[in-house]
Amino acid sequence: MTASQGDSFVVPGHEPGDEERRCDVLQAKGPDGGPPYFVRWADGELGMVFPGEEWQLIRPD
């Protein structure tokens, strides 16, 4: 999976009933647009992530 600035990830909740989380990609740190990604979560928290298989990549229209 490759992502770039402006893309978003939607992450499902860990347990049944947990809300999904969303983060916006600020920068791809890996080679050729690969992980890890520097992201901003919807609550404003910044972090570095390696997306899991269950993560959905959303590209802007």
PDB file of N, CA and C in Angstrom:
ATOM      1  N   MET A   1       0.840  -1.166   0.000  1.00  0.00           N
ATOM      2  CA  MET A   1       0.000   0.000   0.000  1.00  0.00           C
ATOM      3  C   MET A   1       0.891   1.237   0.000  1.00  0.00           C
ATOM      4  N   THR A   2       0.559   2.185  -0.854  1.00  0.00           N
ATOM      5  CA  THR A   2       1.260   3.462  -0.856  1.00  0.00           C
ATOM      6  C   THR A   2       0.238   4.571  -0.642  1.00  0.00           C
ATOM      7  N   ALA A   3       0.654   5.606   0.043  1.00  0.00           N
ATOM      8  CA  ALA A   3      -0.214   6.750   0.311  1.00  0.00           C
ATOM      9  C   ALA A   3       0.618   8.015   0.169  1.00  0.00           C
ATOM     10  N   SER A   4      -0.068   9.127  -0.005  1.00  0.00           N
ATOM     11  CA  SER A   4       0.630  10.405  -0.119  1.00  0.00           C
ATOM     12  C   SER A   4      -0.142  11.479   0.629  1.00  0.00           C
ATOM     13  N   GLN A   5       0.491  12.634   0.770  1.00  0.00           N
ATOM     14  CA  GLN A   5      -0.135  13.736   1.488  1.00  0.00           C
ATOM     15  C   GLN A   5      -1.512  14.012   0.909  1.00  0.00           C
ATOM     16  N   GLY A   6      -2.503  14.160   1.782  1.00  0.00           N
ATOM     17  CA  GLY A   6      -3.876  14.404   1.353  1.00  0.00           C
ATOM     18  C   GLY A   6      -4.740  13.164   1.402  1.00  0.00           C
ATOM     19  N   ASP A   7      -4.132  11.980   1.396  1.00  0.00           N
ATOM     20  CA  ASP A   7      -4.890  10.741   1.551  1.00  0.00           C
ATOM     21  C   ASP A   7      -5.280  10.576   3.018  1.00  0.00           C
ATOM     22  N   SER A   8      -6.241   9.710   3.272  1.00  0.00           N
ATOM     23  CA  SER A   8      -6.677   9.422   4.636  1.00  0.00           C
ATOM     24  C   SER A   8      -6.772   7.921   4.824  1.00  0.00           C
ATOM     25  N   PHE A   9      -6.682   7.501   6.082  1.00  0.00           N
ATOM     26  CA  PHE A   9      -6.926   6.117   6.454  1.00  0.00           C
ATOM     27  C   PHE A   9      -8.124   6.069   7.391  1.00  0.00           C
ATOM     28  N   VAL A  10      -8.968   5.062   7.209  1.00  0.00           N
ATOM     29  CA  VAL A  10     -10.054   4.777   8.133  1.00  0.00           C
ATOM     30  C   VAL A  10      -9.703   3.460   8.801  1.00  0.00           C
ATOM     31  N   VAL A  11      -9.707   3.482  10.136  1.00  0.00           N
ATOM     32  CA  VAL A  11      -9.282   2.336  10.931  1.00  0.00           C
ATOM     33  C   VAL A  11     -10.480   1.822  11.715  1.00  0.00           C
ATOM     34  N   PRO A  12     -10.860   0.552  11.548  1.00  0.00           N
ATOM     35  CA  PRO A  12     -12.001   0.028  12.303  1.00  0.00           C
ATOM     36  C   PRO A  12     -11.686  -0.059  13.793  1.00  0.00           C
ATOM     37  N   GLY A  13     -12.735  -0.061  14.616  1.00  0.00           N
ATOM     38  CA  GLY A  13     -12.562  -0.216  16.056  1.00  0.00           C
ATOM     39  C   GLY A  13     -11.993  -1.584  16.391  1.00  0.00           C
ATOM     40  N   HIS A  14     -11.345  -1.678  17.553  1.00  0.00           N
ATOM     41  CA  HIS A  14     -10.728  -2.938  17.966  1.00  0.00           C
ATOM     42  C   HIS A  14     -11.746  -3.947  18.472  1.00  0.00           C
ATOM     43  N   GLU A  15     -12.797  -3.466  19.114  1.00  0.00           N
ATOM     44  CA  GLU A  15     -13.822  -4.323  19.707  1.00  0.00           C
ATOM     45  C   GLU A  15     -15.169  -3.996  19.080  1.00  0.00           C
ATOM     46  N   PRO A  16     -16.107  -4.951  19.080  1.00  0.00           N
ATOM     47  CA  PRO A  16     -17.451  -4.649  18.578  1.00  0.00           C
ATOM     48  C   PRO A  16     -18.028  -3.437  19.311  1.00  0.00           C
ATOM     49  N   GLY A  17     -18.584  -2.516  18.563  1.00  0.00           N
ATOM     50  CA  GLY A  17     -19.155  -1.312  19.143  1.00  0.00           C
ATOM     51  C   GLY A  17     -18.198  -0.138  19.207  1.00  0.00           C
ATOM     52  N   ASP A  18     -16.895  -0.390  19.034  1.00  0.00           N
ATOM     53  CA  ASP A  18     -15.923   0.706  19.010  1.00  0.00           C
ATOM     54  C   ASP A  18     -16.096   1.507  17.723  1.00  0.00           C
ATOM     55  N   GLU A  19     -15.933   2.806  17.825  1.00  0.00           N
ATOM     56  CA  GLU A  19     -16.023   3.654  16.639  1.00  0.00           C
ATOM     57  C   GLU A  19     -14.754   3.529  15.799  1.00  0.00           C
ATOM     58  N   GLU A  20     -14.916   3.705  14.483  1.00  0.00           N
ATOM     59  CA  GLU A  20     -13.741   3.738  13.625  1.00  0.00           C
ATOM     60  C   GLU A  20     -13.005   5.050  13.847  1.00  0.00           C
ATOM     61  N   ARG A  21     -11.732   5.057  13.506  1.00  0.00           N
ATOM     62  CA  ARG A  21     -10.903   6.260  13.615  1.00  0.00           C
ATOM     63  C   ARG A  21     -10.431   6.652  12.221  1.00  0.00           C
ATOM     64  N   ARG A  22     -10.162   7.935  12.055  1.00  0.00           N
ATOM     65  CA  ARG A  22      -9.689   8.438  10.766  1.00  0.00           C
ATOM     66  C   ARG A  22      -8.454   9.291  10.994  1.00  0.00           C
ATOM     67  N   CYS A  23      -7.496   9.162  10.075  1.00  0.00           N
ATOM     68  CA  CYS A  23      -6.311  10.015  10.134  1.00  0.00           C
ATOM     69  C   CYS A  23      -5.968  10.473   8.723  1.00  0.00           C
ATOM     70  N   ASP A  24      -5.349  11.632   8.645  1.00  0.00           N
ATOM     71  CA  ASP A  24      -4.922  12.210   7.374  1.00  0.00           C
ATOM     72  C   ASP A  24      -3.416  12.060   7.233  1.00  0.00           C
ATOM     73  N   VAL A  25      -2.991  11.635   6.061  1.00  0.00           N
ATOM     74  CA  VAL A  25      -1.563  11.459   5.794  1.00  0.00           C
ATOM     75  C   VAL A  25      -0.933  12.829   5.562  1.00  0.00           C
ATOM     76  N   LEU A  26       0.093  13.116   6.346  1.00  0.00           N
ATOM     77  CA  LEU A  26       0.845  14.358   6.183  1.00  0.00           C
ATOM     78  C   LEU A  26       2.117  14.134   5.380  1.00  0.00           C
ATOM     79  N   GLN A  27       2.697  12.922   5.539  1.00  0.00           N
ATOM     80  CA  GLN A  27       3.941  12.623   4.823  1.00  0.00           C
ATOM     81  C   GLN A  27       4.197  11.121   4.827  1.00  0.00           C
ATOM     82  N   ALA A  28       4.637  10.603   3.677  1.00  0.00           N
ATOM     83  CA  ALA A  28       5.106   9.216   3.587  1.00  0.00           C
ATOM     84  C   ALA A  28       6.591   9.223   3.904  1.00  0.00           C
ATOM     85  N   LYS A  29       7.010   8.413   4.858  1.00  0.00           N
ATOM     86  CA  LYS A  29       8.410   8.380   5.282  1.00  0.00           C
ATOM     87  C   LYS A  29       9.186   7.226   4.653  1.00  0.00           C
ATOM     88  N   GLY A  30       8.471   6.235   4.108  1.00  0.00           N
ATOM     89  CA  GLY A  30       9.131   5.078   3.530  1.00  0.00           C
ATOM     90  C   GLY A  30       9.482   5.295   2.070  1.00  0.00           C
ATOM     91  N   PRO A  31      10.204   4.346   1.501  1.00  0.00           N
ATOM     92  CA  PRO A  31      10.572   4.458   0.087  1.00  0.00           C
ATOM     93  C   PRO A  31       9.355   4.357  -0.826  1.00  0.00           C
ATOM     94  N   ASP A  32       9.341   5.143  -1.878  1.00  0.00           N
ATOM     95  CA  ASP A  32       8.304   5.092  -2.914  1.00  0.00           C
ATOM     96  C   ASP A  32       6.895   5.269  -2.371  1.00  0.00           C
ATOM     97  N   GLY A  33       6.715   6.100  -1.360  1.00  0.00           N
ATOM     98  CA  GLY A  33       5.381   6.371  -0.827  1.00  0.00           C
ATOM     99  C   GLY A  33       4.867   5.317   0.127  1.00  0.00           C
ATOM    100  N   GLY A  34       5.747   4.436   0.575  1.00  0.00           N
ATOM    101  CA  GLY A  34       5.345   3.377   1.499  1.00  0.00           C
ATOM    102  C   GLY A  34       5.439   3.815   2.946  1.00  0.00           C
ATOM    103  N   PRO A  35       5.002   2.936   3.856  1.00  0.00           N
ATOM    104  CA  PRO A  35       5.048   3.249   5.280  1.00  0.00           C
ATOM    105  C   PRO A  35       6.475   3.280   5.803  1.00  0.00           C
ATOM    106  N   PRO A  36       6.653   3.927   6.948  1.00  0.00           N
ATOM    107  CA  PRO A  36       5.627   4.490   7.829  1.00  0.00           C
ATOM    108  C   PRO A  36       5.113   5.828   7.307  1.00  0.00           C
ATOM    109  N   TYR A  37       3.935   6.205   7.830  1.00  0.00           N
ATOM    110  CA  TYR A  37       3.305   7.467   7.461  1.00  0.00           C
ATOM    111  C   TYR A  37       3.189   8.359   8.689  1.00  0.00           C
ATOM    112  N   PHE A  38       3.490   9.638   8.503  1.00  0.00           N
ATOM    113  CA  PHE A  38       3.277  10.634   9.543  1.00  0.00           C
ATOM    114  C   PHE A  38       1.863  11.149   9.334  1.00  0.00           C
ATOM    115  N   VAL A  39       0.999  11.038  10.356  1.00  0.00           N
ATOM    116  CA  VAL A  39      -0.427  11.337  10.204  1.00  0.00           C
ATOM    117  C   VAL A  39      -0.928  12.270  11.305  1.00  0.00           C
ATOM    118  N   ARG A  40      -2.082  12.876  11.030  1.00  0.00           N
ATOM    119  CA  ARG A  40      -2.824  13.635  12.037  1.00  0.00           C
ATOM    120  C   ARG A  40      -4.171  12.942  12.211  1.00  0.00           C
ATOM    121  N   TRP A  41      -4.437  12.505  13.440  1.00  0.00           N
ATOM    122  CA  TRP A  41      -5.711  11.867  13.760  1.00  0.00           C
ATOM    123  C   TRP A  41      -6.803  12.927  13.865  1.00  0.00           C
ATOM    124  N   ALA A  42      -8.055  12.507  13.771  1.00  0.00           N
ATOM    125  CA  ALA A  42      -9.193  13.427  13.811  1.00  0.00           C
ATOM    126  C   ALA A  42      -9.211  14.272  15.086  1.00  0.00           C
ATOM    127  N   ASP A  43      -8.646  13.750  16.183  1.00  0.00           N
ATOM    128  CA  ASP A  43      -8.612  14.504  17.442  1.00  0.00           C
ATOM    129  C   ASP A  43      -7.425  15.469  17.517  1.00  0.00           C
ATOM    130  N   GLY A  44      -6.634  15.553  16.429  1.00  0.00           N
ATOM    131  CA  GLY A  44      -5.504  16.464  16.371  1.00  0.00           C
ATOM    132  C   GLY A  44      -4.170  15.850  16.757  1.00  0.00           C
ATOM    133  N   GLU A  45      -4.206  14.633  17.303  1.00  0.00           N
ATOM    134  CA  GLU A  45      -2.964  13.959  17.698  1.00  0.00           C
ATOM    135  C   GLU A  45      -2.134  13.631  16.460  1.00  0.00           C
ATOM    136  N   LEU A  46      -0.816  13.791  16.568  1.00  0.00           N
ATOM    137  CA  LEU A  46       0.102  13.445  15.485  1.00  0.00           C
ATOM    138  C   LEU A  46       0.778  12.130  15.814  1.00  0.00           C
ATOM    139  N   GLY A  47       1.094  11.352  14.784  1.00  0.00           N
ATOM    140  CA  GLY A  47       1.776  10.093  15.036  1.00  0.00           C
ATOM    141  C   GLY A  47       2.340   9.479  13.775  1.00  0.00           C
ATOM    142  N   MET A  48       3.118   8.427  13.979  1.00  0.00           N
ATOM    143  CA  MET A  48       3.711   7.659  12.894  1.00  0.00           C
ATOM    144  C   MET A  48       3.006   6.303  12.888  1.00  0.00           C
ATOM    145  N   VAL A  49       2.539   5.858  11.718  1.00  0.00           N
ATOM    146  CA  VAL A  49       1.784   4.609  11.645  1.00  0.00           C
ATOM    147  C   VAL A  49       2.299   3.701  10.536  1.00  0.00           C
ATOM    148  N   PHE A  50       2.114   2.415  10.757  1.00  0.00           N
ATOM    149  CA  PHE A  50       2.281   1.369   9.754  1.00  0.00           C
ATOM    150  C   PHE A  50       0.895   0.756   9.590  1.00  0.00           C
ATOM    151  N   PRO A  51       0.156   1.056   8.507  1.00  0.00           N
ATOM    152  CA  PRO A  51      -1.220   0.590   8.374  1.00  0.00           C
ATOM    153  C   PRO A  51      -1.337  -0.931   8.396  1.00  0.00           C
ATOM    154  N   GLY A  52      -2.403  -1.397   9.027  1.00  0.00           N
ATOM    155  CA  GLY A  52      -2.713  -2.818   9.043  1.00  0.00           C
ATOM    156  C   GLY A  52      -3.574  -3.196   7.851  1.00  0.00           C
ATOM    157  N   GLU A  53      -3.766  -4.491   7.664  1.00  0.00           N
ATOM    158  CA  GLU A  53      -4.555  -4.987   6.529  1.00  0.00           C
ATOM    159  C   GLU A  53      -5.995  -4.496   6.566  1.00  0.00           C
ATOM    160  N   GLU A  54      -6.516  -4.243   7.764  1.00  0.00           N
ATOM    161  CA  GLU A  54      -7.915  -3.840   7.903  1.00  0.00           C
ATOM    162  C   GLU A  54      -8.119  -2.338   7.678  1.00  0.00           C
ATOM    163  N   TRP A  55      -7.043  -1.586   7.513  1.00  0.00           N
ATOM    164  CA  TRP A  55      -7.147  -0.147   7.292  1.00  0.00           C
ATOM    165  C   TRP A  55      -7.603   0.125   5.862  1.00  0.00           C
ATOM    166  N   GLN A  56      -8.485   1.105   5.692  1.00  0.00           N
ATOM    167  CA  GLN A  56      -8.982   1.483   4.370  1.00  0.00           C
ATOM    168  C   GLN A  56      -8.325   2.798   3.955  1.00  0.00           C
ATOM    169  N   LEU A  57      -7.748   2.821   2.765  1.00  0.00           N
ATOM    170  CA  LEU A  57      -7.123   4.029   2.226  1.00  0.00           C
ATOM    171  C   LEU A  57      -8.164   4.811   1.431  1.00  0.00           C
ATOM    172  N   ILE A  58      -8.296   6.092   1.749  1.00  0.00           N
ATOM    173  CA  ILE A  58      -9.224   6.979   1.050  1.00  0.00           C
ATOM    174  C   ILE A  58      -8.401   8.048   0.344  1.00  0.00           C
ATOM    175  N   ARG A  59      -8.588   8.150  -0.966  1.00  0.00           N
ATOM    176  CA  ARG A  59      -7.902   9.186  -1.745  1.00  0.00           C
ATOM    177  C   ARG A  59      -8.910  10.289  -2.065  1.00  0.00           C
ATOM    178  N   PRO A  60      -8.464  11.554  -2.032  1.00  0.00           N
ATOM    179  CA  PRO A  60      -9.396  12.650  -2.351  1.00  0.00           C
ATOM    180  C   PRO A  60      -9.853  12.559  -3.803  1.00  0.00           C
ATOM    181  N   ASP A  61     -11.061  13.025  -4.043  1.00  0.00           N
ATOM    182  CA  ASP A  61     -11.609  12.998  -5.415  1.00  0.00           C
ATOM    183  C   ASP A  61     -10.986  14.053  -6.282  1.00  0.00           C
TER     184      ASP A  61
END
